[in-house]
Protein backbone atom coordinates (compact mmCIF):
# COMPACT_ATOMS: atom_id res chain seq x y z
CA UNK A 1 180.49 175.19 136.96
CA UNK A 2 177.97 174.92 139.28
CA UNK A 3 175.27 177.26 137.96
CA UNK A 4 174.63 177.21 133.88
CA UNK A 5 172.08 178.77 131.92
CA UNK A 6 169.26 176.83 129.97
CA UNK A 7 166.59 178.30 126.92
CA UNK A 8 163.95 175.95 126.72
CA UNK A 9 161.97 174.78 124.16
CA UNK A 10 159.35 171.78 123.60
CA UNK A 11 159.71 168.14 124.29
CA UNK A 12 161.40 165.97 126.99
CA UNK A 13 164.80 167.35 126.26
CA UNK A 14 164.86 170.17 128.75
CA UNK A 15 163.19 168.19 131.45
CA UNK A 16 165.90 165.23 131.40
CA UNK A 17 168.82 167.86 131.06
CA UNK A 18 167.13 169.41 133.90
CA UNK A 19 167.06 166.31 135.63
CA UNK A 20 170.85 165.17 135.56
CA UNK A 21 171.64 168.83 136.42
CA UNK A 22 170.04 168.57 139.07
CA UNK A 23 172.03 165.42 139.68
CA UNK A 24 174.79 166.20 139.28
CA UNK A 25 174.43 168.98 141.68
CA UNK A 26 174.10 172.01 139.08
CA UNK A 27 171.73 174.57 139.60
CA UNK A 28 170.32 175.53 136.11
CA UNK A 29 168.48 179.36 135.62
CA UNK A 30 165.87 178.76 132.74
CA UNK A 31 164.83 181.01 130.18
CA UNK A 32 161.72 179.21 129.31
CA UNK A 33 159.74 179.93 125.84
CA UNK A 34 156.39 180.13 126.45
CA UNK A 35 154.87 179.08 123.57
CA UNK A 36 156.68 175.98 123.69
CA UNK A 37 158.41 174.79 127.23
CA UNK A 38 156.15 172.49 129.68
CA UNK A 39 155.12 174.25 132.89
CA UNK A 40 157.52 171.33 134.21
CA UNK A 41 160.64 173.37 133.45
CA UNK A 42 160.06 175.67 136.61
CA UNK A 43 159.76 173.03 139.02
CA UNK A 44 163.40 171.23 138.28
CA UNK A 45 165.34 174.94 137.82
CA UNK A 46 166.55 177.39 140.35
CA UNK A 47 164.85 180.08 138.46
CA UNK A 48 162.65 179.87 135.53
CA UNK A 49 162.08 183.14 133.56
CA UNK A 50 158.93 182.88 131.23
CA UNK A 51 159.68 184.81 127.79
CA UNK A 52 158.06 184.40 124.30
CA UNK A 53 159.69 183.47 120.81
CA UNK A 54 160.53 187.28 120.01
CA UNK A 55 162.24 188.57 123.17
CA UNK A 56 165.76 188.86 121.85
CA UNK A 57 166.31 191.51 124.44
CA UNK A 58 164.64 190.32 127.71
CA UNK A 59 167.02 187.22 126.81
CA UNK A 60 170.17 189.04 127.08
CA UNK A 61 168.88 190.79 129.90
CA UNK A 62 168.25 188.08 131.39
CA UNK A 63 170.93 186.25 130.65
CA UNK A 64 173.36 189.81 132.18
CA UNK A 65 170.95 190.42 135.35
CA UNK A 66 171.79 186.58 136.47
CA UNK A 67 175.61 187.22 135.12
CA UNK A 68 175.46 184.32 133.27
CA UNK A 69 177.86 184.07 130.35
CA UNK A 70 177.06 180.91 128.86
CA UNK A 71 173.64 179.21 128.18
CA UNK A 72 172.95 175.93 126.09
CA UNK A 73 169.43 175.46 123.77
CA UNK A 74 167.67 172.71 125.03
CA UNK A 75 164.18 171.45 122.98
CA UNK A 76 162.71 172.27 119.85
CA UNK A 77 161.01 175.10 118.89
CA UNK A 78 158.66 174.09 115.70
CA UNK A 79 159.69 175.99 112.11
CA UNK A 80 156.27 177.15 111.93
CA UNK A 81 155.86 178.65 115.01
CA UNK A 82 158.93 181.03 113.91
CA UNK A 83 156.44 182.12 110.90
CA UNK A 84 153.30 182.29 112.79
CA UNK A 85 153.39 183.03 116.90
CA UNK A 86 156.77 184.74 116.87
CA UNK A 87 156.29 188.82 117.72
CA UNK A 88 159.68 190.15 117.27
CA UNK A 89 161.01 192.94 119.61
CA UNK A 90 163.44 195.49 118.19
CA UNK A 91 166.19 193.36 118.35
CA UNK A 92 165.22 190.25 116.42
CA UNK A 93 163.41 192.53 114.42
CA UNK A 94 166.67 194.10 113.69
CA UNK A 95 168.36 190.62 112.85
CA UNK A 96 165.59 189.31 111.36
CA UNK A 97 166.03 192.12 108.48
CA UNK A 98 169.48 191.03 107.74
CA UNK A 99 169.31 187.53 107.56
CA UNK A 100 169.50 186.15 103.56
CA UNK A 101 167.32 183.42 104.56
CA UNK A 102 164.61 182.58 107.33
CA UNK A 103 165.67 178.92 108.41
CA UNK A 104 167.19 177.39 111.48
CA UNK A 105 170.36 178.02 110.64
CA UNK A 106 170.19 181.72 109.49
CA UNK A 107 167.87 182.09 112.69
CA UNK A 108 169.46 180.64 115.35
CA UNK A 109 173.29 181.33 113.90
CA UNK A 110 172.23 184.88 113.96
CA UNK A 111 170.98 185.19 117.42
CA UNK A 112 174.15 183.30 117.99
CA UNK A 113 176.03 186.12 116.86
CA UNK A 114 173.99 189.03 118.86
CA UNK A 115 174.62 186.95 121.98
CA UNK A 116 178.57 186.89 121.09
CA UNK A 117 178.57 190.79 121.04
CA UNK A 118 177.14 190.74 124.59
CA UNK A 119 179.30 188.51 126.07
CA UNK A 120 177.17 185.61 126.03
CA UNK A 121 177.73 182.09 124.49
CA UNK A 122 175.91 179.54 123.02
CA UNK A 123 177.57 176.14 124.57
CA UNK A 124 176.50 172.58 123.61
CA UNK A 125 173.22 171.98 123.75
CA UNK A 126 174.16 168.16 124.69
CA UNK A 127 176.46 168.57 127.42
CA UNK A 128 174.30 167.29 130.25
CA UNK A 129 173.07 164.35 127.98
CA UNK A 130 175.95 162.71 126.67
CA UNK A 131 174.93 158.97 128.01
CA UNK A 132 171.58 159.05 125.38
CA UNK A 133 173.31 160.31 122.30
CA UNK A 134 172.87 156.99 120.25
CA UNK A 135 176.05 154.63 119.70
CA UNK A 136 177.22 152.92 116.61
CA UNK A 137 176.12 149.86 115.18
CA UNK A 138 172.80 148.22 115.89
CA UNK A 139 170.63 149.70 119.50
CA UNK A 140 168.33 146.42 119.26
CA UNK A 141 168.06 142.71 119.68
CA UNK A 142 166.86 142.57 115.79
CA UNK A 143 169.49 144.16 113.56
CA UNK A 144 168.71 145.63 110.45
CA UNK A 145 167.62 142.99 107.60
CA UNK A 146 169.81 143.31 104.27
CA UNK A 147 166.43 145.30 103.06
CA UNK A 148 166.46 147.59 105.75
CA UNK A 149 170.34 147.84 105.20
CA UNK A 150 169.74 149.09 101.66
CA UNK A 151 166.97 151.45 102.39
CA UNK A 152 169.18 152.99 105.22
CA UNK A 153 172.35 153.41 102.79
CA UNK A 154 169.94 154.61 99.98
CA UNK A 155 168.07 157.22 102.60
CA UNK A 156 171.55 158.36 104.28
CA UNK A 157 172.16 159.80 100.89
CA UNK A 158 169.22 161.92 100.43
CA UNK A 159 169.43 163.21 103.76
CA UNK A 160 173.12 163.78 103.33
CA UNK A 161 172.72 165.39 100.08
CA UNK A 162 169.10 167.29 101.94
CA UNK A 163 171.37 168.59 105.02
CA UNK A 164 173.05 172.35 103.36
CA UNK A 165 169.62 173.06 102.60
CA UNK A 166 167.92 173.40 106.15
CA UNK A 167 164.93 171.97 105.02
CA UNK A 168 164.24 169.15 107.99
CA UNK A 169 166.20 166.28 109.59
CA UNK A 170 164.32 163.14 107.84
CA UNK A 171 163.02 161.25 105.26
CA UNK A 172 160.60 158.48 104.75
CA UNK A 173 161.70 155.43 102.57
CA UNK A 174 160.41 152.42 100.82
CA UNK A 175 162.00 150.11 98.75
CA UNK A 176 164.66 152.33 98.03
CA UNK A 177 162.67 155.19 96.52
CA UNK A 178 162.22 158.45 99.20
CA UNK A 179 158.53 158.45 99.80
CA UNK A 180 158.41 162.09 101.98
CA UNK A 181 161.25 164.29 104.04
CA UNK A 182 160.74 166.42 106.78
CA UNK A 183 159.60 170.09 106.28
CA UNK A 184 158.10 171.99 109.18
CA UNK A 185 155.28 169.71 109.79
CA UNK A 186 158.06 167.51 111.62
CA UNK A 187 158.83 164.35 111.80
CA UNK A 188 155.72 161.99 113.38
CA UNK A 189 153.31 164.08 110.43
CA UNK A 190 155.72 163.41 107.70
CA UNK A 191 155.81 160.02 108.47
CA UNK A 192 151.72 159.33 108.68
CA UNK A 193 152.11 160.98 105.69
CA UNK A 194 154.25 158.57 104.36
CA UNK A 195 152.14 155.57 105.68
CA UNK A 196 149.04 156.88 103.08
CA UNK A 197 151.32 156.66 100.04
CA UNK A 198 152.89 153.50 100.26
CA UNK A 199 149.51 150.99 100.39
CA UNK A 200 150.93 148.90 103.28
CA UNK A 201 154.62 148.53 102.37
CA UNK A 202 157.24 148.72 105.04
CA UNK A 203 158.78 152.83 105.76
CA UNK A 204 162.29 153.09 106.59
CA UNK A 205 162.68 156.84 109.04
CA UNK A 206 166.53 158.24 108.61
CA UNK A 207 167.54 161.17 110.49
CA UNK A 208 170.36 162.81 109.76
CA UNK A 209 172.27 165.49 112.14
CA UNK A 210 173.49 168.28 108.82
CA UNK A 211 177.42 168.65 108.33
CA UNK A 212 177.93 171.14 111.32
CA UNK A 213 180.63 170.56 113.56
CA UNK A 214 178.58 171.41 116.85
CA UNK A 215 175.93 170.53 118.24
CA UNK A 216 174.54 174.05 119.44
CA UNK A 217 171.07 173.79 118.54
CA UNK A 218 168.94 171.35 116.15
CA UNK A 219 170.41 168.39 117.65
CA UNK A 220 168.52 165.35 116.64
CA UNK A 221 165.67 163.48 118.75
CA UNK A 222 163.88 160.64 118.78
CA UNK A 223 161.58 158.90 121.87
CA UNK A 224 159.70 156.66 123.12
CA UNK A 225 156.70 159.06 120.58
CA UNK A 226 158.73 158.02 117.91
CA UNK A 227 158.42 154.66 118.19
CA UNK A 228 154.66 154.83 118.86
CA UNK A 229 154.11 156.28 115.93
CA UNK A 230 156.73 154.30 113.79
CA UNK A 231 154.71 151.35 114.92
CA UNK A 232 151.52 153.28 114.42
CA UNK A 233 152.84 153.82 110.10
CA UNK A 234 154.13 150.29 110.12
CA UNK A 235 157.74 152.05 110.14
CA UNK A 236 160.67 149.43 110.60
CA UNK A 237 163.76 151.02 110.74
CA UNK A 238 165.24 154.01 112.65
CA UNK A 239 168.72 154.61 111.11
CA UNK A 240 170.42 157.93 113.05
CA UNK A 241 173.71 159.09 113.15
CA UNK A 242 175.62 158.31 115.77
CA UNK A 243 177.05 160.44 118.50
CA UNK A 244 174.93 163.49 117.04
CA UNK A 245 171.33 162.09 118.03
CA UNK A 246 169.66 162.05 120.79
CA UNK A 247 167.12 158.80 122.15
CA UNK A 248 165.35 160.21 125.16
CA UNK A 249 164.17 158.03 127.62
CA UNK A 250 166.87 155.92 126.46
CA UNK A 251 166.53 152.50 128.16
CA UNK A 252 162.71 152.53 127.85
CA UNK A 253 162.30 153.70 124.30
CA UNK A 254 164.73 150.34 122.96
CA UNK A 255 162.62 148.78 125.06
CA UNK A 256 159.73 149.50 123.72
CA UNK A 257 161.18 149.11 120.16
CA UNK A 258 161.99 145.61 120.52
CA UNK A 259 158.69 144.96 121.66
CA UNK A 260 157.85 146.26 118.64
CA UNK A 261 160.07 144.47 116.56
CA UNK A 262 161.58 147.75 114.90
CA UNK A 263 164.88 147.71 114.57
CA UNK A 264 167.22 150.92 115.69
CA UNK A 265 171.13 151.58 114.25
CA UNK A 266 173.45 154.15 114.50
CA UNK A 267 175.60 155.07 111.82
CA UNK A 268 178.88 157.21 110.98
CA UNK A 269 177.46 161.24 110.33
CA UNK A 270 178.48 161.97 106.73
CA UNK A 271 182.12 162.55 106.36
CA UNK A 272 183.22 161.08 108.95
C-alpha cells in the first residue's frame, strides 16, 4: 500500500511514524487531533486534516472522502483530556451513552466498532516503527542488578494484575513495594509523585503492554523525556514488555540511559 491514513495524537510517535513512512515512499493522510497533535505533523503529511477530540462523524467523513479504508492510531491522547476537553458530536455522544465504562479500552474499542460498521478498520499502530520496538533482555550496557531484578519481577506481577483494569501502563517500585500506580496523570507525574514518597531510595519503573492480542492503540512508549525524568527522580531501571513497547529515538534514548547509569531491559509479555 502506497497511501495510508493516520490519526495523530501527542508526542514523538506520530512524527517518527511520518518520517519513516516518507523514507519508505509512503504518502500519509493525517487526521490530527487539535487538542493533542504537534503542528509539525502537517509538514510531513501528504494531506493533514485537523479535528477535535469529539469529531467522530467528521473523522469518518474525511476517511471516506479520501477513499481510505484502513487507519492507524499513532500517539497518545491524555486520559484527562477525554473527560475535560471532549465535546462529542452526535455520533460520539451516542457511542459514549452505550459504553459500560469510559476507559481507553471501552472508548477506543467502541470507536473501532463504529469505524468497522463504515467499512474502515484500525491497523497496527506500530506498523511503521517496528525497529523501535524493545527487544528481549538487557538493552543497555549495564544489566539490572540483583536488587533491580527483584523489583522488576515484583513490579511486573503488579502491572499484570492491573492490566485487565485499564487503569494505567506503569508502576513505580522500591524494595519490593509498589510506591505508585499510573492513572490519568501519566508516567512522568507518577514517577515524581513516587519520588516524593521514598526519601531518596532508588525507584524502578515497570511498563506493561496489558493482555491484548494486538497493538492497535495505547501502545506503551518510552523516550528521551522518560530517561530525563528517571534521572531526576532516582529511578535506576526501566523494565518493559519486549516486542510491545516503543522506544522513541531509540539510539539516543539508550545512549542517554547509559550515560545516566540507568538500566533498560525487555521481558516476555505476560502470558507468553
